[in-house]
Structures are given as C-alpha cells and as structure tokens.
N, C-alpha and C. Protein backbone atom coordinates (compact mmCIF):
# COMPACT_ATOMS: atom_id res chain seq x y z
N UNK A 1 41.14 -3.57 1.18
CA UNK A 1 39.73 -4.16 1.57
C UNK A 1 38.94 -4.89 0.84
N UNK A 2 38.63 -6.28 1.00
CA UNK A 2 37.94 -7.41 0.88
C UNK A 2 36.04 -6.72 1.12
N UNK A 3 35.70 -7.29 0.15
CA UNK A 3 33.92 -7.01 -0.39
C UNK A 3 33.56 -7.58 0.84
N UNK A 4 34.00 -8.98 1.78
CA UNK A 4 33.35 -9.69 2.95
C UNK A 4 33.77 -8.47 3.90
N UNK A 5 34.54 -7.73 4.38
CA UNK A 5 34.69 -6.84 5.50
C UNK A 5 33.03 -5.51 5.52
N UNK A 6 32.93 -5.28 4.33
CA UNK A 6 31.49 -4.49 4.57
C UNK A 6 30.79 -4.69 5.18
N UNK A 7 29.72 -6.18 5.33
CA UNK A 7 29.16 -6.56 5.63
C UNK A 7 28.25 -6.81 5.45
N UNK A 8 27.62 -6.62 3.95
CA UNK A 8 26.88 -7.27 2.94
C UNK A 8 26.14 -8.31 3.75
N UNK A 9 24.46 -7.92 2.98
CA UNK A 9 23.17 -9.23 3.51
C UNK A 9 24.11 -10.48 2.63
N UNK A 10 23.90 -11.88 3.28
CA UNK A 10 24.57 -13.19 2.41
C UNK A 10 23.90 -13.33 1.60
N UNK A 11 22.72 -12.56 0.63
CA UNK A 11 22.91 -13.34 -0.58
C UNK A 11 23.49 -12.13 -1.28
N UNK A 12 23.99 -10.98 -1.43
CA UNK A 12 24.29 -10.17 -2.05
C UNK A 12 26.39 -11.16 -2.11
N UNK A 13 26.25 -11.49 -0.56
CA UNK A 13 27.54 -11.94 -0.74
C UNK A 13 27.76 -13.09 -2.18
N UNK A 14 26.76 -13.49 -1.73
CA UNK A 14 27.23 -15.06 -3.03
C UNK A 14 26.57 -14.30 -4.02
N UNK A 15 26.31 -12.83 -4.66
CA UNK A 15 26.24 -12.34 -5.73
C UNK A 15 27.85 -11.35 -6.12
N UNK A 16 27.96 -11.93 -5.11
CA UNK A 16 29.67 -10.68 -5.29
C UNK A 16 30.87 -11.85 -5.53
N UNK A 17 30.70 -13.02 -5.02
CA UNK A 17 31.61 -13.91 -5.18
C UNK A 17 31.85 -14.66 -6.66
N UNK A 18 30.32 -14.80 -6.94
CA UNK A 18 30.11 -15.11 -8.00
C UNK A 18 30.30 -14.76 -9.03
N UNK A 19 30.25 -13.44 -8.98
CA UNK A 19 31.22 -12.25 -10.41
C UNK A 19 32.56 -12.01 -9.54
N UNK A 20 32.76 -13.02 -9.34
CA UNK A 20 34.48 -12.71 -9.05
C UNK A 20 35.08 -11.97 -8.30
N UNK A 21 34.40 -10.97 -7.25
CA UNK A 21 34.48 -9.89 -6.71
C UNK A 21 35.31 -10.07 -5.50
N UNK A 22 36.58 -9.73 -5.43
CA UNK A 22 37.02 -9.88 -4.26
C UNK A 22 37.75 -8.39 -3.33
N UNK A 23 38.19 -7.53 -3.85
CA UNK A 23 38.77 -6.49 -3.49
C UNK A 23 38.08 -5.60 -4.31
N UNK A 24 37.71 -4.93 -3.32
CA UNK A 24 37.00 -2.97 -3.59
C UNK A 24 38.23 -2.30 -4.13
N UNK A 25 38.19 -1.31 -4.79
CA UNK A 25 38.83 -0.71 -5.56
C UNK A 25 38.34 1.06 -4.67
N UNK A 26 39.68 1.78 -5.12
CA UNK A 26 39.41 3.02 -3.85
C UNK A 26 38.09 3.89 -4.50
N UNK A 27 37.56 4.02 -5.32
CA UNK A 27 36.02 4.56 -5.37
C UNK A 27 34.55 3.85 -4.30
N UNK A 28 35.16 2.72 -4.31
CA UNK A 28 34.49 2.10 -3.88
C UNK A 28 34.53 1.34 -2.44
N UNK A 29 36.02 1.99 -2.00
CA UNK A 29 36.40 1.44 -0.56
C UNK A 29 35.38 3.62 -0.06
N UNK A 30 35.54 3.86 -0.92
CA UNK A 30 35.48 5.44 -0.43
C UNK A 30 34.14 6.00 -0.30
N UNK A 31 32.68 5.33 -1.13
CA UNK A 31 32.39 5.16 -1.76
C UNK A 31 30.90 4.25 -0.78
N UNK A 32 30.97 3.01 -1.05
CA UNK A 32 30.45 2.30 -0.19
C UNK A 32 29.83 2.50 1.37
N UNK A 33 31.10 2.28 2.64
CA UNK A 33 30.56 3.36 3.97
C UNK A 33 29.40 4.17 3.68
N UNK A 34 29.51 5.23 3.35
CA UNK A 34 28.90 6.45 3.51
C UNK A 34 27.37 6.11 2.90
N UNK A 35 27.45 5.37 1.76
CA UNK A 35 26.03 5.23 1.25
C UNK A 35 25.06 4.15 2.21
N UNK A 36 25.53 3.28 2.72
CA UNK A 36 25.52 1.97 3.76
C UNK A 36 25.20 2.64 4.98
N UNK A 37 25.62 4.47 5.36
CA UNK A 37 25.16 4.95 6.63
C UNK A 37 24.59 5.56 6.03
N UNK A 38 23.85 5.79 4.86
CA UNK A 38 22.32 6.51 4.22
C UNK A 38 22.50 7.95 4.57
N UNK A 39 24.11 8.10 4.43
CA UNK A 39 24.53 9.80 3.87
C UNK A 39 24.35 9.93 2.12
N UNK A 40 24.28 11.02 1.98
CA UNK A 40 24.27 11.43 -0.01
C UNK A 40 25.80 11.31 -0.13
N UNK A 41 26.04 10.72 -1.11
CA UNK A 41 27.12 10.69 -2.03
C UNK A 41 27.47 11.61 -3.63
N UNK A 42 28.30 12.16 -3.66
CA UNK A 42 28.56 12.62 -4.47
C UNK A 42 30.56 12.24 -5.20
N UNK A 43 30.13 11.41 -5.70
CA UNK A 43 31.60 10.86 -6.09
C UNK A 43 31.91 11.26 -8.02
N UNK A 44 33.25 11.34 -8.04
CA UNK A 44 33.34 11.41 -9.47
C UNK A 44 34.95 10.79 -9.54
N UNK A 45 35.30 9.51 -10.64
CA UNK A 45 36.11 9.02 -10.67
C UNK A 45 35.95 7.90 -12.50
N UNK A 46 37.51 7.68 -12.79
CA UNK A 46 37.41 7.14 -14.44
C UNK A 46 36.39 6.23 -14.49
N UNK A 47 36.40 6.24 -16.45
CA UNK A 47 35.84 4.60 -16.15
C UNK A 47 36.19 3.97 -16.14
N UNK A 48 35.93 2.62 -15.79
CA UNK A 48 36.64 1.30 -15.11
C UNK A 48 36.65 1.26 -13.96
N UNK A 49 36.75 2.25 -12.94
CA UNK A 49 37.22 1.79 -11.80
C UNK A 49 36.29 1.21 -10.56
N UNK A 50 35.07 1.00 -11.40
CA UNK A 50 33.88 0.26 -10.00
C UNK A 50 33.05 1.13 -9.66
N UNK A 51 33.17 2.17 -10.30
CA UNK A 51 31.95 3.13 -9.99
C UNK A 51 30.35 2.80 -9.43
N UNK A 52 29.65 2.05 -10.44
CA UNK A 52 28.31 1.51 -11.00
C UNK A 52 27.82 0.38 -9.39
N UNK A 53 29.46 -0.36 -9.30
CA UNK A 53 29.09 -1.65 -8.00
C UNK A 53 29.55 -0.58 -6.83
N UNK A 54 29.80 0.29 -7.16
CA UNK A 54 30.37 1.60 -5.84
C UNK A 54 28.99 1.87 -4.92
N UNK A 55 27.63 2.32 -6.27
CA UNK A 55 26.43 1.95 -5.46
C UNK A 55 25.38 1.71 -5.96
N UNK A 56 25.88 0.59 -6.77
CA UNK A 56 24.77 -0.43 -6.74
C UNK A 56 24.74 -1.09 -5.48
N UNK A 57 26.18 -1.57 -5.20
CA UNK A 57 25.92 -2.96 -4.20
C UNK A 57 25.74 -2.10 -2.99
N UNK A 58 25.53 -0.65 -1.98
CA UNK A 58 25.16 -0.25 -1.06
C UNK A 58 23.64 -0.54 -1.69
N UNK A 59 23.37 -0.44 -2.27
CA UNK A 59 22.01 0.29 -2.82
C UNK A 59 21.42 -1.29 -2.51
N UNK A 60 22.21 -2.06 -3.07
CA UNK A 60 20.98 -3.79 -2.96
C UNK A 60 21.58 -3.78 -1.72
N UNK A 61 21.67 -3.90 -1.14
CA UNK A 61 22.29 -4.03 0.26
C UNK A 61 21.60 -3.37 1.56
N UNK A 62 21.17 -2.46 1.25
CA UNK A 62 19.55 -1.28 2.09
C UNK A 62 18.34 -2.09 1.48
N UNK A 63 18.19 -2.28 0.37
CA UNK A 63 16.79 -3.15 -0.35
C UNK A 63 16.82 -4.79 0.40
N UNK A 64 18.18 -4.92 0.21
CA UNK A 64 17.57 -6.56 0.94
C UNK A 64 17.36 -6.42 2.47
N UNK A 65 18.10 -5.59 3.07
CA UNK A 65 17.46 -5.39 4.47
C UNK A 65 16.77 -4.57 5.28
N UNK A 66 16.19 -3.81 3.85
CA UNK A 66 15.08 -2.62 4.59
C UNK A 66 14.37 -1.74 3.71
N UNK A 67 13.80 -2.90 3.11
CA UNK A 67 12.23 -2.75 1.96
C UNK A 67 11.48 -3.07 2.08
N UNK A 68 10.18 -2.30 1.71
CA UNK A 68 8.98 -3.04 1.67
C UNK A 68 8.28 -3.34 -0.13
N UNK A 69 8.02 -4.45 -0.16
CA UNK A 69 7.80 -4.74 -1.43
C UNK A 69 6.61 -4.07 -2.03
N UNK A 70 6.80 -4.24 -3.20
CA UNK A 70 5.13 -4.07 -4.03
C UNK A 70 6.00 -2.29 -3.98
N UNK A 71 6.59 -1.94 -3.71
CA UNK A 71 6.81 -0.28 -3.66
C UNK A 71 8.26 -0.27 -4.04
N UNK A 72 8.92 1.11 -5.42
CA UNK A 72 9.85 1.22 -6.09
C UNK A 72 11.04 1.30 -4.92
N UNK A 73 12.24 1.04 -4.35
CA UNK A 73 13.30 0.88 -3.74
C UNK A 73 13.78 2.10 -4.16
N UNK A 74 14.92 2.14 -5.62
CA UNK A 74 15.88 2.59 -5.87
C UNK A 74 15.06 2.94 -7.30
N UNK A 75 15.44 4.54 -7.69
CA UNK A 75 15.95 4.98 -9.12
C UNK A 75 17.57 5.29 -9.21
N UNK A 76 17.94 4.56 -10.09
CA UNK A 76 19.29 5.62 -11.14
C UNK A 76 18.79 5.86 -12.49
N UNK A 77 18.90 6.99 -12.65
CA UNK A 77 18.86 7.86 -13.52
C UNK A 77 20.00 7.98 -14.67
N UNK A 78 19.84 7.70 -15.29
CA UNK A 78 21.12 7.70 -16.28
C UNK A 78 20.97 8.36 -17.87
N UNK A 79 21.64 8.62 -18.97
CA UNK A 79 21.63 9.53 -19.76
C UNK A 79 21.25 8.95 -20.96
N UNK A 80 21.58 7.62 -21.15
CA UNK A 80 21.83 6.39 -22.34
C UNK A 80 21.09 5.22 -22.29
N UNK A 81 20.42 4.72 -22.79
CA UNK A 81 20.10 3.24 -22.66
C UNK A 81 20.91 2.82 -22.83
N UNK A 82 21.60 2.95 -23.66
CA UNK A 82 23.31 1.61 -23.33
C UNK A 82 23.49 1.58 -21.95
N UNK A 83 23.60 2.84 -21.11
CA UNK A 83 23.79 2.71 -20.05
C UNK A 83 23.39 2.19 -18.23
N UNK A 84 21.52 2.44 -19.50
CA UNK A 84 20.82 1.64 -18.36
C UNK A 84 20.82 0.22 -18.61
N UNK A 85 21.24 -0.49 -19.91
CA UNK A 85 20.88 -1.68 -20.19
C UNK A 85 22.68 -2.35 -19.11
N UNK A 86 23.47 -1.69 -19.26
CA UNK A 86 24.76 -1.94 -18.77
C UNK A 86 24.25 -2.11 -17.32
N UNK A 87 23.69 -1.26 -16.92
CA UNK A 87 23.60 -1.22 -15.42
C UNK A 87 22.61 -2.37 -15.12
N UNK A 88 21.50 -2.28 -15.71
CA UNK A 88 21.39 -3.92 -15.67
C UNK A 88 21.36 -4.42 -15.31
N UNK A 89 22.24 -5.39 -16.37
CA UNK A 89 23.02 -6.16 -16.33
C UNK A 89 23.57 -7.12 -15.36
N UNK A 90 24.96 -5.67 -15.36
CA UNK A 90 25.36 -5.72 -13.85
C UNK A 90 24.85 -6.20 -12.55
N UNK A 91 23.87 -5.01 -12.27
CA UNK A 91 22.61 -5.96 -11.59
C UNK A 91 22.26 -7.11 -11.16
N UNK A 92 21.89 -7.75 -12.48
CA UNK A 92 21.41 -9.23 -12.54
C UNK A 92 21.76 -9.87 -11.85
N UNK A 93 23.34 -9.41 -12.65
CA UNK A 93 24.39 -10.64 -11.55
C UNK A 93 25.13 -10.52 -10.22
N UNK A 94 24.77 -9.60 -9.65
CA UNK A 94 24.75 -9.42 -8.68
C UNK A 94 23.28 -9.65 -7.41
N UNK A 95 22.39 -9.63 -8.52
CA UNK A 95 21.15 -9.93 -7.56
C UNK A 95 21.00 -11.67 -7.45
N UNK A 96 21.64 -12.04 -7.81
CA UNK A 96 21.17 -13.73 -8.69
C UNK A 96 20.74 -14.32 -7.73
N UNK A 97 21.58 -14.26 -6.60
CA UNK A 97 20.64 -15.31 -5.41
C UNK A 97 19.63 -14.30 -4.27
N UNK A 98 19.38 -13.16 -5.21
CA UNK A 98 18.09 -12.37 -3.81
C UNK A 98 16.61 -12.18 -4.63
N UNK A 99 15.99 -11.93 -3.81
CA UNK A 99 14.71 -11.75 -4.13
C UNK A 99 14.42 -10.10 -5.23
N UNK A 100 15.82 -9.48 -5.14
CA UNK A 100 15.48 -7.81 -5.73
C UNK A 100 15.07 -8.02 -7.17
N UNK A 101 13.58 -6.97 -7.92
CA UNK A 101 14.00 -7.37 -8.75
C UNK A 101 14.33 -5.94 -9.41
N UNK A 102 14.52 -5.45 -10.70
CA UNK A 102 15.11 -4.45 -11.32
C UNK A 102 14.01 -4.72 -13.26
N UNK A 103 14.64 -3.28 -13.52
CA UNK A 103 14.13 -3.17 -14.76
C UNK A 103 14.64 -2.12 -15.32
N UNK A 104 14.90 -2.00 -16.50
CA UNK A 104 15.50 -0.92 -17.39
C UNK A 104 14.54 -0.28 -17.68
N UNK A 105 14.24 0.47 -17.65
CA UNK A 105 13.63 1.92 -18.81
C UNK A 105 13.86 2.83 -19.62
N UNK A 106 13.47 2.67 -20.63
CA UNK A 106 14.59 3.25 -21.49
C UNK A 106 13.97 3.12 -23.24
N UNK A 107 13.96 4.61 -24.36
CA UNK A 107 13.31 4.72 -25.58
C UNK A 107 13.34 4.31 -26.38
N UNK A 108 12.72 4.29 -27.49
CA UNK A 108 13.10 3.61 -28.48
C UNK A 108 13.14 2.03 -28.46
N UNK A 109 11.79 1.28 -27.70
CA UNK A 109 11.44 -0.28 -27.76
C UNK A 109 10.32 0.27 -28.39
N UNK A 110 9.87 -1.15 -28.42
CA UNK A 110 8.52 -1.13 -28.75
C UNK A 110 7.22 -1.17 -27.61
N UNK A 111 5.65 -1.31 -28.12
CA UNK A 111 4.50 -1.46 -27.14
C UNK A 111 4.48 -2.61 -25.99
N UNK A 112 5.65 -3.75 -26.57
CA UNK A 112 5.06 -4.89 -25.27
C UNK A 112 6.21 -4.13 -24.21
N UNK A 113 7.22 -3.33 -24.25
CA UNK A 113 8.17 -3.37 -23.76
C UNK A 113 7.57 -2.31 -22.91
N UNK A 114 7.06 -0.78 -23.11
CA UNK A 114 6.68 0.13 -22.67
C UNK A 114 5.12 -0.11 -21.54
N UNK A 115 4.57 -1.63 -21.87
CA UNK A 115 3.53 -2.32 -21.00
C UNK A 115 4.18 -2.78 -19.95
N UNK A 116 5.49 -3.77 -20.07
CA UNK A 116 6.32 -4.20 -18.90
C UNK A 116 6.80 -3.16 -18.22
N UNK A 117 6.55 -2.11 -18.57
CA UNK A 117 7.87 -1.03 -17.34
C UNK A 117 6.40 -0.49 -17.13
N UNK A 118 5.24 -0.15 -17.28
CA UNK A 118 4.36 0.06 -16.58
C UNK A 118 4.05 -0.89 -15.40
N UNK A 119 4.05 -1.95 -15.74
CA UNK A 119 3.94 -3.12 -15.05
C UNK A 119 4.76 -2.94 -13.26
N UNK A 120 5.68 -3.03 -14.61
CA UNK A 120 7.29 -2.68 -13.31
C UNK A 120 6.84 -1.64 -11.99
N UNK A 121 6.62 -0.76 -12.91
CA UNK A 121 6.12 0.98 -12.07
C UNK A 121 5.24 0.82 -11.43
N UNK A 122 3.47 0.50 -11.63
CA UNK A 122 2.92 -0.46 -11.11
C UNK A 122 2.76 -1.41 -9.60
N UNK A 123 3.33 -2.30 -9.84
CA UNK A 123 4.14 -3.52 -8.92
C UNK A 123 5.12 -3.11 -8.16
N UNK A 124 6.37 -2.04 -8.22
CA UNK A 124 7.22 -1.74 -7.81
C UNK A 124 8.36 -2.57 -8.09
N UNK A 125 8.83 -2.66 -8.75
CA UNK A 125 10.70 -3.50 -8.74
C UNK A 125 11.06 -2.79 -7.79
N UNK A 126 11.85 -3.35 -7.36
CA UNK A 126 12.93 -3.02 -6.31
C UNK A 126 13.86 -1.64 -7.04
N UNK A 127 13.96 -1.97 -8.36
CA UNK A 127 15.25 -1.24 -8.81
C UNK A 127 14.45 -0.55 -9.94
N UNK A 128 14.53 -0.02 -10.41
CA UNK A 128 14.29 1.62 -11.87
C UNK A 128 15.66 1.93 -12.05
N UNK A 129 16.25 1.26 -13.74
CA UNK A 129 17.36 2.08 -14.21
C UNK A 129 16.70 2.73 -15.33
N UNK A 130 16.41 3.74 -15.45
CA UNK A 130 15.72 4.62 -16.54
C UNK A 130 16.47 5.64 -16.69
N UNK A 131 15.85 5.94 -18.60
CA UNK A 131 16.62 7.38 -19.14
C UNK A 131 15.43 8.94 -18.63
N UNK A 132 16.41 9.90 -18.41
CA UNK A 132 15.31 10.50 -18.44
C UNK A 132 13.51 10.74 -19.09
N UNK A 133 13.99 10.63 -20.51
CA UNK A 133 12.83 10.75 -21.31
C UNK A 133 11.87 9.72 -21.15
N UNK A 134 12.11 8.41 -21.11
CA UNK A 134 11.03 7.74 -20.85
C UNK A 134 10.41 7.31 -19.60
N UNK A 135 10.91 7.99 -18.47
CA UNK A 135 10.50 7.84 -17.38
C UNK A 135 9.43 9.38 -17.38
N UNK A 136 9.90 10.32 -17.77
CA UNK A 136 8.77 11.06 -18.25
C UNK A 136 7.50 10.99 -19.23
N UNK A 137 7.84 10.15 -19.80
CA UNK A 137 6.27 9.15 -20.72
C UNK A 137 5.77 9.10 -19.28
N UNK A 138 6.41 7.93 -18.69
CA UNK A 138 5.50 7.29 -17.90
C UNK A 138 4.47 8.03 -16.74
N UNK A 139 6.09 8.83 -16.08
CA UNK A 139 5.28 9.93 -15.13
C UNK A 139 4.38 10.28 -15.80
N UNK A 140 3.39 11.25 -17.07
CA UNK A 140 2.71 11.69 -17.49
C UNK A 140 1.50 11.00 -17.82
N UNK A 141 1.71 9.96 -17.36
CA UNK A 141 0.63 8.71 -17.22
C UNK A 141 -0.27 8.44 -16.21
N UNK A 142 0.71 9.36 -15.09
CA UNK A 142 -0.08 9.20 -13.65
C UNK A 142 -0.02 7.91 -13.23
N UNK A 143 0.57 6.96 -13.55
CA UNK A 143 0.57 5.53 -12.54
C UNK A 143 1.71 5.28 -11.70
N UNK A 144 2.73 6.74 -11.60
CA UNK A 144 4.22 6.16 -11.40
C UNK A 144 3.73 6.52 -9.50
N UNK A 145 4.20 5.55 -8.92
CA UNK A 145 4.50 5.78 -7.65
C UNK A 145 5.43 5.56 -7.21
N UNK A 146 6.30 6.94 -6.69
CA UNK A 146 7.29 6.52 -5.87
C UNK A 146 7.57 7.09 -4.45
N UNK A 147 6.14 6.35 -3.86
CA UNK A 147 6.27 7.03 -2.33
C UNK A 147 6.89 5.68 -1.05
N UNK A 148 7.75 5.06 -1.86
CA UNK A 148 8.26 3.87 -0.96
C UNK A 148 10.06 4.20 -1.28
N UNK A 149 9.87 4.95 -2.31
CA UNK A 149 11.64 5.49 -2.46
C UNK A 149 13.00 5.93 -2.01
N UNK A 150 13.09 4.77 -1.24
CA UNK A 150 14.91 4.98 -0.89
C UNK A 150 15.99 5.59 -1.50
N UNK A 151 16.14 5.27 -2.65
CA UNK A 151 17.70 5.96 -3.09
C UNK A 151 17.49 6.56 -4.72
N UNK A 152 18.44 7.76 -5.01
CA UNK A 152 18.08 8.24 -6.26
C UNK A 152 19.48 8.58 -6.31
N UNK A 153 19.57 7.81 -7.88
CA UNK A 153 21.17 8.06 -8.40
C UNK A 153 21.19 8.69 -9.48
N UNK A 154 22.10 9.70 -9.52
CA UNK A 154 22.21 10.63 -10.80
C UNK A 154 23.53 9.78 -11.45
N UNK A 155 23.73 8.64 -11.87
CA UNK A 155 24.68 7.83 -13.02
C UNK A 155 25.13 9.36 -14.08
N UNK A 156 26.13 9.57 -13.90
CA UNK A 156 26.57 10.71 -14.97
C UNK A 156 25.66 11.91 -15.36
N UNK A 157 25.79 12.40 -14.46
CA UNK A 157 24.75 13.62 -13.93
C UNK A 157 25.36 15.17 -14.46
N UNK A 158 26.73 15.13 -14.50
CA UNK A 158 27.35 15.93 -15.50
C UNK A 158 26.76 16.21 -16.97
N UNK A 159 26.72 14.75 -17.48
CA UNK A 159 26.20 14.33 -18.53
C UNK A 159 24.88 14.73 -19.25
N UNK A 160 24.26 13.71 -18.36
CA UNK A 160 23.15 14.30 -18.58
C UNK A 160 22.34 16.10 -18.68
N UNK A 161 23.40 16.95 -17.85
CA UNK A 161 23.39 17.93 -17.89
C UNK A 161 23.82 18.59 -18.89
N UNK A 162 24.43 18.12 -19.41
CA UNK A 162 25.30 18.84 -20.87
C UNK A 162 24.40 18.49 -21.98
N UNK A 163 23.61 17.30 -21.72
CA UNK A 163 22.73 16.77 -22.50
C UNK A 163 21.24 17.48 -22.84
N UNK A 164 21.24 18.35 -22.15
CA UNK A 164 19.67 19.01 -22.01
C UNK A 164 19.20 18.52 -20.62
N UNK A 165 18.96 18.05 -19.66
CA UNK A 165 18.17 17.16 -19.16
C UNK A 165 17.76 17.10 -18.10
N UNK A 166 18.29 18.72 -17.87
CA UNK A 166 17.76 19.15 -16.13
C UNK A 166 16.24 19.26 -15.88
N UNK A 167 15.23 20.02 -16.84
CA UNK A 167 14.45 20.31 -17.06
C UNK A 167 13.40 18.59 -16.07
N UNK A 168 14.23 17.35 -16.68
CA UNK A 168 13.29 16.03 -17.42
C UNK A 168 13.68 15.61 -15.14
N UNK A 169 14.94 16.02 -14.65
CA UNK A 169 16.03 14.90 -13.91
C UNK A 169 14.99 16.08 -12.96
N UNK A 170 14.83 17.81 -13.13
CA UNK A 170 13.34 18.36 -11.70
C UNK A 170 12.54 17.40 -11.45
N UNK A 171 11.50 17.79 -12.73
CA UNK A 171 9.76 16.69 -13.19
C UNK A 171 10.25 15.46 -11.90
N UNK A 172 11.28 14.65 -12.75
CA UNK A 172 11.38 13.73 -11.77
C UNK A 172 11.68 13.69 -10.36
N UNK A 173 12.11 14.19 -9.72
CA UNK A 173 12.83 14.93 -8.53
C UNK A 173 11.22 14.87 -7.92
N UNK A 174 10.65 16.27 -8.74
CA UNK A 174 9.44 16.04 -8.00
C UNK A 174 8.45 15.21 -7.63
N UNK A 175 8.13 14.49 -8.20
CA UNK A 175 7.52 13.00 -8.26
C UNK A 175 8.28 12.03 -7.24
C-alpha cells in the first residue's frame, strides 16, 4: 500500500515524500488505519519494520487536522533517552512542512534543557517524547497541563515495565 492511499494531510505527505517513503510496511498497513479511526492499538513487530512511523504518522495527521494550539496534543513515553532522541529526530523530518512542534524530554541534561522542557510543557508543544523519570520530575513541579492530550503512546511498553517504570507510568497516566 502506498502512503498516498492513507489520505494523510498534504503537509504530512510532503514530509513523507521528502523522507523517501513510498510504500507502507505490513505493520504500518495494519496500525495506521485504526489509529486514524480513533481506536486504541497494541502492536508488536521486529526492529526495523517501521513501528515508529506506524504510530507517528497517524498521530501527526490527527494533530494537523484536529488540534488546539497551545495544548500538548500527544505524549510518547519511551524507556531511554536514546529512543527519545531517535523518535524526535524522525518526527522532525516528517513534520518539516507542517507547523507541528515537538520536544524530546529526558534526563541527564543541563539546567538550560530543563528550562526549555518546562516552557514546551507550559506552552503546549504538539508532541512530547519523554522518558518516565524526567516527565515525573516535571509533573512534580505542578505546571504540566495535559488537558488537551489526544494521543498517548507507550513505545516499548514491555521494556519499560521490565525496567521498573510501572509506578511512574501510572502516575503519568493519572496526570
């Protein structure tokens, strides 16, 4: 199936074409339509099969077509800073021709990064990619507003649970 067949927003299609995507992988074909229809999805596939784009593309499309500016529209929780950076970079390429904003929020950075993260959470970056511990740090400060949240993605949820993040994830879900 070609990406043009998913009926994505034109700005997102430009990013897809610029990223040299033409045909969807099997996991993308199975996951994108239900997410675009507003359904919850649990997906499992091997590394390198396009899982990141399988959730990023419909989330981005939804935010391009139905999102209130100034609110966090999507929260993607990941187990490691490396994965947060990777997903954020992937999104940068796909969103290049759109107005969508995003930020990767993870520990091990300096105070200047923490201030930028705080501002993104307060001003409502469209997509937040975060590790559980760093998001908890921001939640504990009391300024995170998730009232406009439309999408929640737990990437590598099994790994996060194996790493002992269940309580942190539950606290984030409550927020």
